[in-house]
């Protein structure tokens, strides 16, 4: 007879995997499914497809590459935190500097794994996340975690200029999209978009849309035509 803990340990976890490189996606899928404890229920090439797959399939875990065409993994992680908080998120990335890692954790990710990680490390990350723990690749500096823990208020100005969601909204504002269009595209209310816009202006110290456009161009969020 097995107890509840053992049953949980041997349960197969469902995963949605998103990476815009087919070879990387196939490799990660193979590593995850090799042990028989993980079922990849969808593997997709972009952030929007990942979000749609999570909504449709409600997996235990979403594994997202950060650098994907269109909506990036950080923005999708934030959106899932708003709409599907029961789905745990792991981020994969070649970027291991402090800024990216902290942004990933702020976005709600439970794990941040270097794409160069060995197979055992990837499986360990999945196991840790499904136990409710946080996992960072050992190659990521210890001070990253210490810095994260020391910041009780990660949503204040000290946490960085903009969150991934705010960058996404700013990019759409700078591209000339109307508030209603942005709300419809992101599946949010007009009031939520207006709140994001007010927070963006407050964080950047900018009080008009032309100023936001200039900032977006300088930050590389849109091209200067």
N, C-alpha and C. Protein backbone atom coordinates (compact mmCIF):
# COMPACT_ATOMS: atom_id res chain seq x y z
N UNK A 1 0.85 -1.19 0.00
CA UNK A 1 0.00 0.00 0.00
C UNK A 1 0.88 1.25 0.00
N UNK A 2 0.49 2.26 -0.75
CA UNK A 2 1.25 3.50 -0.78
C UNK A 2 0.46 4.61 -0.13
N UNK A 3 1.17 5.54 0.49
CA UNK A 3 0.47 6.67 1.11
C UNK A 3 0.30 7.77 0.06
N UNK A 4 -0.35 8.88 0.48
CA UNK A 4 -0.65 9.97 -0.45
C UNK A 4 0.59 10.60 -1.03
N UNK A 5 1.66 10.69 -0.20
CA UNK A 5 2.90 11.29 -0.68
C UNK A 5 3.51 10.48 -1.80
N UNK A 6 3.51 9.14 -1.65
CA UNK A 6 4.07 8.29 -2.69
C UNK A 6 3.23 8.36 -3.96
N UNK A 7 1.92 8.43 -3.80
CA UNK A 7 1.06 8.53 -4.97
C UNK A 7 1.35 9.82 -5.74
N UNK A 8 1.53 10.91 -5.00
CA UNK A 8 1.86 12.18 -5.64
C UNK A 8 3.20 12.10 -6.34
N UNK A 9 4.15 11.43 -5.70
CA UNK A 9 5.48 11.33 -6.26
C UNK A 9 5.47 10.60 -7.60
N UNK A 10 4.60 9.59 -7.76
CA UNK A 10 4.58 8.77 -8.96
C UNK A 10 3.54 9.23 -9.98
N UNK A 11 2.79 10.28 -9.67
CA UNK A 11 1.79 10.77 -10.61
C UNK A 11 2.46 11.42 -11.81
N UNK A 12 1.88 11.22 -12.98
CA UNK A 12 2.43 11.83 -14.20
C UNK A 12 1.99 13.29 -14.27
N UNK A 13 2.94 14.19 -14.47
CA UNK A 13 2.65 15.62 -14.57
C UNK A 13 2.43 16.01 -16.03
N UNK A 14 1.47 16.89 -16.27
CA UNK A 14 1.23 17.38 -17.62
C UNK A 14 1.92 18.72 -17.82
N UNK A 15 2.49 18.89 -19.01
CA UNK A 15 3.31 20.06 -19.29
C UNK A 15 2.96 20.64 -20.66
N UNK A 16 2.90 21.98 -20.71
CA UNK A 16 2.88 22.70 -21.98
C UNK A 16 4.26 23.30 -22.16
N UNK A 17 4.88 23.03 -23.29
CA UNK A 17 6.25 23.47 -23.57
C UNK A 17 6.26 24.47 -24.72
N UNK A 18 6.95 25.60 -24.53
CA UNK A 18 7.02 26.62 -25.57
C UNK A 18 8.46 27.04 -25.82
N UNK A 19 8.90 26.90 -27.05
CA UNK A 19 10.23 27.35 -27.47
C UNK A 19 10.18 27.52 -28.98
N UNK A 20 10.77 28.61 -29.49
CA UNK A 20 10.64 28.86 -30.93
C UNK A 20 11.69 28.14 -31.77
N UNK A 21 12.52 27.31 -31.15
CA UNK A 21 13.47 26.50 -31.90
C UNK A 21 13.02 25.04 -31.87
N UNK A 22 12.60 24.48 -33.00
CA UNK A 22 12.07 23.11 -33.03
C UNK A 22 13.02 22.06 -32.47
N UNK A 23 14.32 22.21 -32.75
CA UNK A 23 15.29 21.22 -32.28
C UNK A 23 15.39 21.26 -30.75
N UNK A 24 15.43 22.48 -30.19
CA UNK A 24 15.48 22.62 -28.73
C UNK A 24 14.20 22.05 -28.11
N UNK A 25 13.07 22.36 -28.72
CA UNK A 25 11.78 21.89 -28.20
C UNK A 25 11.71 20.37 -28.20
N UNK A 26 12.17 19.77 -29.28
CA UNK A 26 12.15 18.31 -29.36
C UNK A 26 13.09 17.69 -28.33
N UNK A 27 14.25 18.32 -28.14
CA UNK A 27 15.21 17.80 -27.17
C UNK A 27 14.68 17.87 -25.75
N UNK A 28 14.09 19.02 -25.39
CA UNK A 28 13.56 19.18 -24.04
C UNK A 28 12.40 18.22 -23.82
N UNK A 29 11.56 18.08 -24.82
CA UNK A 29 10.42 17.15 -24.70
C UNK A 29 10.92 15.72 -24.46
N UNK A 30 11.92 15.32 -25.23
CA UNK A 30 12.47 13.98 -25.07
C UNK A 30 13.03 13.76 -23.68
N UNK A 31 13.75 14.75 -23.16
CA UNK A 31 14.33 14.63 -21.82
C UNK A 31 13.24 14.53 -20.75
N UNK A 32 12.20 15.33 -20.91
CA UNK A 32 11.13 15.35 -19.91
C UNK A 32 10.36 14.03 -19.90
N UNK A 33 10.09 13.50 -21.08
CA UNK A 33 9.23 12.31 -21.15
C UNK A 33 10.00 11.01 -20.97
N UNK A 34 11.34 11.08 -20.99
CA UNK A 34 12.14 9.86 -20.90
C UNK A 34 11.91 9.08 -19.61
N UNK A 35 11.68 9.79 -18.51
CA UNK A 35 11.50 9.11 -17.25
C UNK A 35 10.11 8.55 -17.02
N UNK A 36 9.17 8.88 -17.89
CA UNK A 36 7.82 8.34 -17.76
C UNK A 36 6.93 9.08 -16.78
N UNK A 37 7.44 10.15 -16.15
CA UNK A 37 6.65 10.87 -15.15
C UNK A 37 6.06 12.16 -15.69
N UNK A 38 6.46 12.54 -16.90
CA UNK A 38 5.98 13.79 -17.48
C UNK A 38 5.32 13.51 -18.82
N UNK A 39 4.16 14.11 -19.03
CA UNK A 39 3.49 14.04 -20.32
C UNK A 39 3.41 15.44 -20.90
N UNK A 40 4.09 15.69 -21.99
CA UNK A 40 4.01 16.98 -22.66
C UNK A 40 2.74 16.97 -23.52
N UNK A 41 1.74 17.70 -23.08
CA UNK A 41 0.44 17.67 -23.75
C UNK A 41 0.37 18.63 -24.93
N UNK A 42 1.34 19.56 -25.01
CA UNK A 42 1.43 20.47 -26.16
C UNK A 42 2.82 21.05 -26.21
N UNK A 43 3.42 21.11 -27.41
CA UNK A 43 4.65 21.89 -27.56
C UNK A 43 4.44 22.86 -28.71
N UNK A 44 4.72 24.12 -28.44
CA UNK A 44 4.37 25.20 -29.36
C UNK A 44 5.58 26.13 -29.54
N UNK A 45 5.47 27.02 -30.54
CA UNK A 45 6.63 27.81 -30.94
C UNK A 45 6.56 29.28 -30.53
N UNK A 46 5.47 29.71 -29.90
CA UNK A 46 5.38 31.12 -29.54
C UNK A 46 4.53 31.30 -28.28
N UNK A 47 4.63 32.51 -27.71
CA UNK A 47 3.97 32.77 -26.44
C UNK A 47 2.47 32.72 -26.49
N UNK A 48 1.86 33.30 -27.52
CA UNK A 48 0.41 33.29 -27.60
C UNK A 48 -0.14 31.87 -27.72
N UNK A 49 0.54 31.04 -28.50
CA UNK A 49 0.10 29.64 -28.63
C UNK A 49 0.25 28.92 -27.30
N UNK A 50 1.29 29.27 -26.54
CA UNK A 50 1.48 28.66 -25.22
C UNK A 50 0.33 29.04 -24.29
N UNK A 51 -0.03 30.32 -24.31
CA UNK A 51 -1.13 30.76 -23.45
C UNK A 51 -2.43 30.05 -23.82
N UNK A 52 -2.71 29.98 -25.11
CA UNK A 52 -3.94 29.32 -25.56
C UNK A 52 -3.95 27.83 -25.18
N UNK A 53 -2.78 27.18 -25.26
CA UNK A 53 -2.70 25.77 -24.89
C UNK A 53 -2.94 25.57 -23.40
N UNK A 54 -2.41 26.48 -22.58
CA UNK A 54 -2.63 26.38 -21.13
C UNK A 54 -4.10 26.56 -20.81
N UNK A 55 -4.74 27.53 -21.43
CA UNK A 55 -6.17 27.77 -21.19
C UNK A 55 -6.99 26.55 -21.58
N UNK A 56 -6.62 25.93 -22.70
CA UNK A 56 -7.39 24.80 -23.21
C UNK A 56 -7.13 23.51 -22.45
N UNK A 57 -5.88 23.28 -22.06
CA UNK A 57 -5.49 21.97 -21.50
C UNK A 57 -5.30 21.97 -19.98
N UNK A 58 -5.12 23.15 -19.39
CA UNK A 58 -4.92 23.28 -17.93
C UNK A 58 -3.87 22.29 -17.41
N UNK A 59 -2.64 22.42 -17.87
CA UNK A 59 -1.58 21.51 -17.42
C UNK A 59 -1.12 21.83 -16.00
N UNK A 60 -0.30 20.95 -15.45
CA UNK A 60 0.31 21.22 -14.14
C UNK A 60 1.38 22.29 -14.25
N UNK A 61 2.07 22.31 -15.39
CA UNK A 61 3.26 23.14 -15.52
C UNK A 61 3.38 23.69 -16.94
N UNK A 62 3.77 24.96 -17.04
CA UNK A 62 4.10 25.56 -18.33
C UNK A 62 5.59 25.87 -18.33
N UNK A 63 6.31 25.34 -19.31
CA UNK A 63 7.75 25.60 -19.45
C UNK A 63 7.91 26.53 -20.65
N UNK A 64 8.42 27.74 -20.40
CA UNK A 64 8.44 28.78 -21.40
C UNK A 64 9.85 29.28 -21.67
N UNK A 65 10.22 29.34 -22.94
CA UNK A 65 11.43 30.04 -23.33
C UNK A 65 11.17 31.53 -23.15
N UNK A 66 12.16 32.29 -22.73
CA UNK A 66 11.96 33.73 -22.57
C UNK A 66 11.95 34.43 -23.91
N UNK A 67 12.93 34.13 -24.76
CA UNK A 67 13.09 34.87 -26.01
C UNK A 67 12.38 34.18 -27.16
N UNK A 68 11.09 34.50 -27.31
CA UNK A 68 10.30 33.98 -28.42
C UNK A 68 9.78 35.13 -29.25
N UNK A 69 9.50 34.88 -30.51
CA UNK A 69 8.93 35.90 -31.36
C UNK A 69 7.55 36.29 -30.85
N UNK A 70 7.21 37.56 -31.01
CA UNK A 70 5.92 38.02 -30.51
C UNK A 70 5.97 38.21 -29.01
N UNK A 71 4.96 37.73 -28.32
CA UNK A 71 4.89 37.86 -26.86
C UNK A 71 5.90 36.93 -26.21
N UNK A 72 6.79 37.50 -25.37
CA UNK A 72 7.85 36.67 -24.79
C UNK A 72 7.37 35.88 -23.57
N UNK A 73 8.24 35.00 -23.11
CA UNK A 73 7.89 34.12 -22.00
C UNK A 73 7.60 34.86 -20.71
N UNK A 74 8.28 35.98 -20.47
CA UNK A 74 8.04 36.75 -19.26
C UNK A 74 6.61 37.31 -19.25
N UNK A 75 6.18 37.85 -20.37
CA UNK A 75 4.83 38.40 -20.44
C UNK A 75 3.77 37.31 -20.30
N UNK A 76 4.03 36.15 -20.89
CA UNK A 76 3.07 35.04 -20.76
C UNK A 76 3.01 34.56 -19.31
N UNK A 77 4.16 34.51 -18.64
CA UNK A 77 4.18 34.11 -17.23
C UNK A 77 3.34 35.06 -16.39
N UNK A 78 3.47 36.35 -16.65
CA UNK A 78 2.67 37.34 -15.91
C UNK A 78 1.18 37.16 -16.20
N UNK A 79 0.84 36.93 -17.46
CA UNK A 79 -0.56 36.78 -17.82
C UNK A 79 -1.16 35.54 -17.16
N UNK A 80 -0.39 34.46 -17.14
CA UNK A 80 -0.87 33.24 -16.48
C UNK A 80 -1.06 33.48 -14.98
N UNK A 81 -0.19 34.29 -14.39
CA UNK A 81 -0.36 34.61 -12.98
C UNK A 81 -1.65 35.34 -12.71
N UNK A 82 -2.11 36.11 -13.68
CA UNK A 82 -3.35 36.87 -13.53
C UNK A 82 -4.59 36.01 -13.77
N UNK A 83 -4.48 35.06 -14.71
CA UNK A 83 -5.67 34.34 -15.14
C UNK A 83 -5.69 32.85 -14.78
N UNK A 84 -4.51 32.24 -14.61
CA UNK A 84 -4.42 30.81 -14.34
C UNK A 84 -3.30 30.56 -13.32
N UNK A 85 -3.47 31.12 -12.14
CA UNK A 85 -2.41 31.07 -11.13
C UNK A 85 -2.11 29.66 -10.62
N UNK A 86 -3.03 28.71 -10.84
CA UNK A 86 -2.78 27.34 -10.38
C UNK A 86 -1.77 26.62 -11.26
N UNK A 87 -1.52 27.13 -12.46
CA UNK A 87 -0.54 26.53 -13.36
C UNK A 87 0.85 27.08 -13.01
N UNK A 88 1.76 26.19 -12.68
CA UNK A 88 3.10 26.61 -12.31
C UNK A 88 3.92 26.88 -13.56
N UNK A 89 4.87 27.80 -13.44
CA UNK A 89 5.64 28.24 -14.60
C UNK A 89 7.13 28.05 -14.36
N UNK A 90 7.81 27.50 -15.36
CA UNK A 90 9.26 27.40 -15.38
C UNK A 90 9.76 28.15 -16.61
N UNK A 91 10.80 28.95 -16.44
CA UNK A 91 11.38 29.68 -17.56
C UNK A 91 12.70 29.06 -17.97
N UNK A 92 12.90 28.95 -19.29
CA UNK A 92 14.17 28.50 -19.86
C UNK A 92 14.81 29.69 -20.57
N UNK A 93 16.12 29.85 -20.41
CA UNK A 93 16.76 30.98 -21.07
C UNK A 93 18.26 30.80 -21.15
N UNK A 94 18.85 31.44 -22.17
CA UNK A 94 20.30 31.55 -22.25
C UNK A 94 20.79 32.72 -21.41
N UNK A 95 19.86 33.61 -21.04
CA UNK A 95 20.21 34.79 -20.25
C UNK A 95 20.23 34.44 -18.76
N UNK A 96 21.36 34.58 -18.12
CA UNK A 96 21.45 34.22 -16.70
C UNK A 96 21.90 35.40 -15.84
N UNK A 97 21.82 36.61 -16.38
CA UNK A 97 22.21 37.76 -15.55
C UNK A 97 21.11 38.09 -14.56
N UNK A 98 21.46 38.90 -13.57
CA UNK A 98 20.55 39.21 -12.47
C UNK A 98 19.22 39.77 -12.96
N UNK A 99 19.28 40.70 -13.92
CA UNK A 99 18.07 41.40 -14.34
C UNK A 99 17.04 40.42 -14.89
N UNK A 100 17.46 39.53 -15.76
CA UNK A 100 16.52 38.58 -16.35
C UNK A 100 15.94 37.63 -15.30
N UNK A 101 16.80 37.15 -14.42
CA UNK A 101 16.34 36.20 -13.40
C UNK A 101 15.33 36.86 -12.47
N UNK A 102 15.63 38.06 -12.01
CA UNK A 102 14.72 38.76 -11.10
C UNK A 102 13.40 39.08 -11.79
N UNK A 103 13.46 39.46 -13.06
CA UNK A 103 12.23 39.73 -13.79
C UNK A 103 11.40 38.45 -13.93
N UNK A 104 12.08 37.33 -14.14
CA UNK A 104 11.37 36.06 -14.24
C UNK A 104 10.67 35.70 -12.94
N UNK A 105 11.34 35.88 -11.84
CA UNK A 105 10.75 35.58 -10.54
C UNK A 105 9.61 36.55 -10.22
N UNK A 106 9.79 37.82 -10.58
CA UNK A 106 8.71 38.79 -10.39
C UNK A 106 7.49 38.42 -11.22
N UNK A 107 7.73 37.84 -12.39
CA UNK A 107 6.62 37.47 -13.27
C UNK A 107 5.85 36.27 -12.75
N UNK A 108 6.37 35.63 -11.70
CA UNK A 108 5.65 34.51 -11.09
C UNK A 108 6.24 33.15 -11.37
N UNK A 109 7.39 33.08 -12.06
CA UNK A 109 7.99 31.79 -12.37
C UNK A 109 8.47 31.10 -11.09
N UNK A 110 8.28 29.78 -11.03
CA UNK A 110 8.75 28.99 -9.90
C UNK A 110 10.18 28.48 -10.12
N UNK A 111 10.63 28.49 -11.38
CA UNK A 111 11.98 28.01 -11.68
C UNK A 111 12.54 28.80 -12.85
N UNK A 112 13.86 28.95 -12.82
CA UNK A 112 14.58 29.64 -13.91
C UNK A 112 15.77 28.76 -14.23
N UNK A 113 15.75 28.18 -15.43
CA UNK A 113 16.75 27.16 -15.78
C UNK A 113 17.55 27.60 -17.00
N UNK A 114 18.85 27.48 -16.89
CA UNK A 114 19.75 27.77 -18.00
C UNK A 114 19.52 26.74 -19.11
N UNK A 115 19.42 27.21 -20.35
CA UNK A 115 19.21 26.30 -21.47
C UNK A 115 20.35 25.30 -21.66
N UNK A 116 21.50 25.61 -21.09
CA UNK A 116 22.64 24.70 -21.21
C UNK A 116 22.65 23.66 -20.09
N UNK A 117 21.58 23.63 -19.30
CA UNK A 117 21.51 22.69 -18.17
C UNK A 117 21.53 21.25 -18.65
N UNK A 118 22.09 20.39 -17.82
CA UNK A 118 22.09 18.95 -18.11
C UNK A 118 20.70 18.38 -17.90
N UNK A 119 20.48 17.19 -18.43
CA UNK A 119 19.17 16.55 -18.33
C UNK A 119 18.73 16.38 -16.88
N UNK A 120 19.64 15.96 -16.00
CA UNK A 120 19.30 15.75 -14.60
C UNK A 120 18.84 17.04 -13.94
N UNK A 121 19.46 18.16 -14.34
CA UNK A 121 19.09 19.45 -13.75
C UNK A 121 17.69 19.85 -14.18
N UNK A 122 17.36 19.62 -15.43
CA UNK A 122 16.02 19.94 -15.92
C UNK A 122 14.97 19.13 -15.19
N UNK A 123 15.23 17.84 -15.03
CA UNK A 123 14.27 16.99 -14.31
C UNK A 123 14.16 17.41 -12.85
N UNK A 124 15.29 17.78 -12.25
CA UNK A 124 15.28 18.22 -10.85
C UNK A 124 14.45 19.49 -10.70
N UNK A 125 14.53 20.38 -11.70
CA UNK A 125 13.76 21.61 -11.65
C UNK A 125 12.27 21.31 -11.69
N UNK A 126 11.86 20.40 -12.58
CA UNK A 126 10.45 20.02 -12.67
C UNK A 126 9.98 19.42 -11.35
N UNK A 127 10.77 18.52 -10.78
CA UNK A 127 10.39 17.89 -9.51
C UNK A 127 10.25 18.93 -8.40
N UNK A 128 11.20 19.88 -8.34
CA UNK A 128 11.15 20.91 -7.30
C UNK A 128 9.90 21.78 -7.45
N UNK A 129 9.62 22.19 -8.67
CA UNK A 129 8.45 23.03 -8.90
C UNK A 129 7.17 22.31 -8.52
N UNK A 130 7.07 21.03 -8.88
CA UNK A 130 5.86 20.29 -8.57
C UNK A 130 5.74 19.98 -7.08
N UNK A 131 6.83 20.11 -6.33
CA UNK A 131 6.76 20.00 -4.86
C UNK A 131 6.41 21.34 -4.23
N UNK A 132 6.28 22.36 -5.05
CA UNK A 132 5.96 23.68 -4.53
C UNK A 132 7.18 24.50 -4.16
N UNK A 133 8.35 24.09 -4.62
CA UNK A 133 9.59 24.79 -4.31
C UNK A 133 10.01 25.70 -5.46
N UNK A 134 10.99 26.56 -5.19
CA UNK A 134 11.59 27.40 -6.21
C UNK A 134 12.94 26.79 -6.61
N UNK A 135 13.25 26.82 -7.91
CA UNK A 135 14.49 26.22 -8.39
C UNK A 135 15.23 27.21 -9.30
N UNK A 136 16.51 27.41 -9.04
CA UNK A 136 17.38 28.18 -9.91
C UNK A 136 18.56 27.31 -10.32
N UNK A 137 18.96 27.39 -11.58
CA UNK A 137 20.12 26.64 -12.02
C UNK A 137 21.34 27.01 -11.17
N UNK A 138 22.15 26.02 -10.79
CA UNK A 138 23.35 26.31 -9.99
C UNK A 138 24.28 27.30 -10.67
N UNK A 139 24.23 27.38 -12.01
CA UNK A 139 25.11 28.32 -12.72
C UNK A 139 24.70 29.77 -12.50
N UNK A 140 23.51 29.96 -11.98
CA UNK A 140 23.04 31.32 -11.69
C UNK A 140 23.55 31.72 -10.31
N UNK A 141 24.09 32.91 -10.25
CA UNK A 141 24.75 33.36 -9.03
C UNK A 141 23.86 33.27 -7.79
N UNK A 142 24.45 32.86 -6.67
CA UNK A 142 23.73 32.78 -5.40
C UNK A 142 23.17 34.14 -4.99
N UNK A 143 23.88 35.18 -5.38
CA UNK A 143 23.42 36.52 -4.97
C UNK A 143 22.11 36.90 -5.64
N UNK A 144 21.77 36.25 -6.78
CA UNK A 144 20.49 36.53 -7.43
C UNK A 144 19.35 36.16 -6.50
N UNK A 145 19.41 34.97 -5.93
CA UNK A 145 18.38 34.52 -5.01
C UNK A 145 18.37 35.38 -3.75
N UNK A 146 19.56 35.70 -3.23
CA UNK A 146 19.62 36.53 -2.03
C UNK A 146 19.03 37.91 -2.29
N UNK A 147 19.31 38.45 -3.46
CA UNK A 147 18.76 39.75 -3.81
C UNK A 147 17.25 39.70 -3.93
N UNK A 148 16.73 38.61 -4.48
CA UNK A 148 15.28 38.45 -4.62
C UNK A 148 14.61 38.37 -3.26
N UNK A 149 15.18 37.54 -2.38
CA UNK A 149 14.59 37.36 -1.06
C UNK A 149 14.60 38.66 -0.27
N UNK A 150 15.65 39.46 -0.45
CA UNK A 150 15.78 40.70 0.32
C UNK A 150 14.82 41.78 -0.14
N UNK A 151 14.22 41.59 -1.30
CA UNK A 151 13.30 42.61 -1.82
C UNK A 151 11.87 42.20 -1.50
N UNK A 152 11.38 42.65 -0.37
CA UNK A 152 10.02 42.29 0.02
C UNK A 152 9.01 42.95 -0.91
N UNK A 153 9.31 44.17 -1.35
CA UNK A 153 8.39 44.87 -2.24
C UNK A 153 8.91 44.87 -3.65
N UNK A 154 8.78 43.78 -4.36
CA UNK A 154 9.33 43.68 -5.71
C UNK A 154 8.52 44.46 -6.74
N UNK A 155 7.39 44.99 -6.36
CA UNK A 155 6.59 45.73 -7.33
C UNK A 155 6.76 47.24 -7.22
N UNK A 156 7.70 47.68 -6.35
CA UNK A 156 7.91 49.12 -6.26
C UNK A 156 8.96 49.56 -7.27
N UNK A 157 9.30 50.82 -7.26
CA UNK A 157 10.22 51.36 -8.25
C UNK A 157 11.58 50.68 -8.21
N UNK A 158 12.03 50.27 -7.02
CA UNK A 158 13.35 49.67 -6.90
C UNK A 158 13.44 48.36 -7.65
N UNK A 159 12.32 47.75 -7.97
CA UNK A 159 12.33 46.45 -8.63
C UNK A 159 12.65 46.56 -10.12
N UNK A 160 12.80 47.75 -10.64
CA UNK A 160 13.09 47.92 -12.05
C UNK A 160 12.05 48.81 -12.69
N UNK A 161 12.34 49.37 -13.86
CA UNK A 161 11.42 50.34 -14.44
C UNK A 161 10.05 49.78 -14.78
N UNK A 162 10.00 48.66 -15.50
CA UNK A 162 8.71 48.11 -15.93
C UNK A 162 8.69 46.59 -15.83
N UNK A 163 7.52 46.05 -15.55
CA UNK A 163 7.35 44.61 -15.59
C UNK A 163 7.18 44.17 -17.05
N UNK A 164 7.24 42.87 -17.29
CA UNK A 164 7.07 42.37 -18.65
C UNK A 164 5.70 42.73 -19.20
N UNK A 165 4.65 42.64 -18.39
CA UNK A 165 3.31 43.00 -18.84
C UNK A 165 3.24 44.49 -19.19
N UNK A 166 3.85 45.33 -18.36
CA UNK A 166 3.84 46.76 -18.64
C UNK A 166 4.59 47.09 -19.92
N UNK A 167 5.69 46.38 -20.17
CA UNK A 167 6.41 46.57 -21.43
C UNK A 167 5.53 46.18 -22.61
N UNK A 168 4.77 45.10 -22.44
CA UNK A 168 3.88 44.64 -23.50
C UNK A 168 2.82 45.70 -23.80
N UNK A 169 2.22 46.26 -22.75
CA UNK A 169 1.21 47.30 -22.92
C UNK A 169 1.83 48.55 -23.54
N UNK A 170 3.02 48.94 -23.06
CA UNK A 170 3.70 50.12 -23.60
C UNK A 170 3.99 49.96 -25.08
N UNK A 171 4.44 48.78 -25.47
CA UNK A 171 4.74 48.52 -26.89
C UNK A 171 3.50 48.72 -27.74
N UNK A 172 2.36 48.28 -27.25
CA UNK A 172 1.12 48.41 -28.01
C UNK A 172 0.62 49.86 -28.04
N UNK A 173 0.80 50.58 -26.93
CA UNK A 173 0.44 52.01 -26.90
C UNK A 173 1.29 52.77 -27.91
N UNK A 174 2.62 52.48 -27.87
CA UNK A 174 3.55 53.19 -28.76
C UNK A 174 3.29 52.86 -30.23
N UNK A 175 2.70 51.69 -30.48
CA UNK A 175 2.38 51.30 -31.85
C UNK A 175 1.08 51.92 -32.34
N UNK A 176 0.44 52.70 -31.47
CA UNK A 176 -0.77 53.41 -31.87
C UNK A 176 -2.06 52.67 -31.61
N UNK A 177 -2.00 51.58 -30.83
CA UNK A 177 -3.23 50.83 -30.55
C UNK A 177 -4.08 51.59 -29.53
N UNK A 178 -5.39 51.56 -29.73
CA UNK A 178 -6.31 52.19 -28.79
C UNK A 178 -6.49 51.30 -27.55
N UNK A 179 -6.92 51.91 -26.46
CA UNK A 179 -7.06 51.18 -25.20
C UNK A 179 -7.98 49.97 -25.36
N UNK A 180 -9.10 50.13 -26.05
CA UNK A 180 -10.03 49.02 -26.24
C UNK A 180 -9.38 47.90 -27.06
N UNK A 181 -8.61 48.25 -28.07
CA UNK A 181 -7.93 47.24 -28.88
C UNK A 181 -6.92 46.45 -28.04
N UNK A 182 -6.17 47.16 -27.21
CA UNK A 182 -5.18 46.50 -26.35
C UNK A 182 -5.88 45.55 -25.39
N UNK A 183 -6.97 46.03 -24.79
CA UNK A 183 -7.73 45.21 -23.84
C UNK A 183 -8.23 43.93 -24.51
N UNK A 184 -8.76 44.08 -25.72
CA UNK A 184 -9.29 42.92 -26.45
C UNK A 184 -8.17 41.94 -26.79
N UNK A 185 -7.03 42.46 -27.25
CA UNK A 185 -5.90 41.60 -27.64
C UNK A 185 -5.35 40.82 -26.46
N UNK A 186 -5.32 41.44 -25.29
CA UNK A 186 -4.73 40.79 -24.12
C UNK A 186 -5.76 40.07 -23.25
N UNK A 187 -7.03 40.18 -23.61
CA UNK A 187 -8.06 39.51 -22.83
C UNK A 187 -8.26 40.14 -21.47
N UNK A 188 -8.04 41.46 -21.37
CA UNK A 188 -8.18 42.18 -20.12
C UNK A 188 -9.25 43.26 -20.27
N UNK A 189 -9.64 43.87 -19.17
CA UNK A 189 -10.65 44.93 -19.23
C UNK A 189 -9.99 46.26 -19.59
N UNK A 190 -10.81 47.19 -20.08
CA UNK A 190 -10.32 48.53 -20.40
C UNK A 190 -9.75 49.18 -19.14
N UNK A 191 -10.43 48.99 -18.00
CA UNK A 191 -9.95 49.60 -16.75
C UNK A 191 -8.57 49.06 -16.37
N UNK A 192 -8.33 47.76 -16.62
CA UNK A 192 -7.02 47.19 -16.30
C UNK A 192 -5.94 47.81 -17.17
N UNK A 193 -6.22 48.00 -18.46
CA UNK A 193 -5.25 48.62 -19.36
C UNK A 193 -4.98 50.06 -18.96
N UNK A 194 -6.04 50.77 -18.58
CA UNK A 194 -5.87 52.16 -18.13
C UNK A 194 -5.01 52.21 -16.87
N UNK A 195 -5.19 51.22 -15.99
CA UNK A 195 -4.38 51.17 -14.77
C UNK A 195 -2.92 50.89 -15.12
N UNK A 196 -2.69 49.97 -16.07
CA UNK A 196 -1.32 49.69 -16.51
C UNK A 196 -0.68 50.95 -17.09
N UNK A 197 -1.43 51.68 -17.91
CA UNK A 197 -0.89 52.90 -18.52
C UNK A 197 -0.52 53.93 -17.45
N UNK A 198 -1.37 54.08 -16.45
CA UNK A 198 -1.08 55.03 -15.38
C UNK A 198 0.17 54.60 -14.60
N UNK A 199 0.31 53.30 -14.34
CA UNK A 199 1.49 52.80 -13.64
C UNK A 199 2.76 52.99 -14.46
N UNK A 200 2.65 52.77 -15.78
CA UNK A 200 3.80 52.97 -16.66
C UNK A 200 4.25 54.42 -16.63
N UNK A 201 3.31 55.33 -16.74
CA UNK A 201 3.65 56.75 -16.72
C UNK A 201 4.27 57.15 -15.39
N UNK A 202 3.73 56.58 -14.30
CA UNK A 202 4.25 56.90 -12.98
C UNK A 202 5.68 56.38 -12.82
N UNK A 203 5.93 55.15 -13.24
CA UNK A 203 7.26 54.56 -13.10
C UNK A 203 8.30 55.28 -13.95
N UNK A 204 7.88 55.71 -15.13
CA UNK A 204 8.83 56.34 -16.05
C UNK A 204 8.91 57.85 -15.87
N UNK A 205 7.97 58.40 -15.12
CA UNK A 205 7.93 59.85 -14.95
C UNK A 205 7.55 60.57 -16.24
N UNK A 206 6.72 59.92 -17.05
CA UNK A 206 6.28 60.47 -18.34
C UNK A 206 4.77 60.71 -18.26
N UNK A 207 4.33 61.85 -18.78
CA UNK A 207 2.93 62.23 -18.59
C UNK A 207 2.12 62.29 -19.88
N UNK A 208 2.70 61.93 -21.02
CA UNK A 208 1.91 61.96 -22.25
C UNK A 208 2.32 60.81 -23.16
N UNK A 209 1.45 60.50 -24.14
CA UNK A 209 1.69 59.38 -25.04
C UNK A 209 2.91 59.61 -25.93
N UNK A 210 3.14 60.82 -26.48
CA UNK A 210 4.35 61.02 -27.27
C UNK A 210 5.63 60.71 -26.48
N UNK A 211 5.61 61.05 -25.20
CA UNK A 211 6.77 60.73 -24.36
C UNK A 211 6.95 59.23 -24.21
N UNK A 212 5.82 58.50 -24.10
CA UNK A 212 5.90 57.04 -24.02
C UNK A 212 6.45 56.45 -25.31
N UNK A 213 6.05 57.02 -26.44
CA UNK A 213 6.55 56.54 -27.74
C UNK A 213 8.07 56.74 -27.81
N UNK A 214 8.54 57.91 -27.40
CA UNK A 214 9.98 58.18 -27.45
C UNK A 214 10.74 57.21 -26.55
N UNK A 215 10.18 56.93 -25.36
CA UNK A 215 10.84 55.98 -24.46
C UNK A 215 10.88 54.59 -25.09
N UNK A 216 9.77 54.17 -25.70
CA UNK A 216 9.70 52.84 -26.31
C UNK A 216 10.73 52.69 -27.42
N UNK A 217 10.95 53.77 -28.18
CA UNK A 217 11.96 53.73 -29.24
C UNK A 217 13.36 53.61 -28.64
N UNK A 218 13.64 54.43 -27.61
CA UNK A 218 14.97 54.37 -26.97
C UNK A 218 15.23 53.01 -26.34
N UNK A 219 14.16 52.39 -25.79
CA UNK A 219 14.31 51.09 -25.12
C UNK A 219 14.34 49.92 -26.10
N UNK A 220 14.13 50.22 -27.39
CA UNK A 220 14.15 49.16 -28.39
C UNK A 220 12.88 48.33 -28.46
N UNK A 221 11.79 48.84 -27.86
CA UNK A 221 10.53 48.10 -27.88
C UNK A 221 9.83 48.23 -29.23
N UNK A 222 10.04 49.36 -29.90
CA UNK A 222 9.52 49.53 -31.25
C UNK A 222 10.61 50.20 -32.08
N UNK A 223 10.47 50.12 -33.40
CA UNK A 223 11.44 50.74 -34.29
C UNK A 223 11.02 52.16 -34.63
N UNK A 224 12.01 53.01 -34.81
CA UNK A 224 11.75 54.39 -35.18
C UNK A 224 11.60 54.45 -36.69
N UNK A 225 10.37 54.65 -37.13
CA UNK A 225 10.12 54.63 -38.59
C UNK A 225 10.42 56.00 -39.20
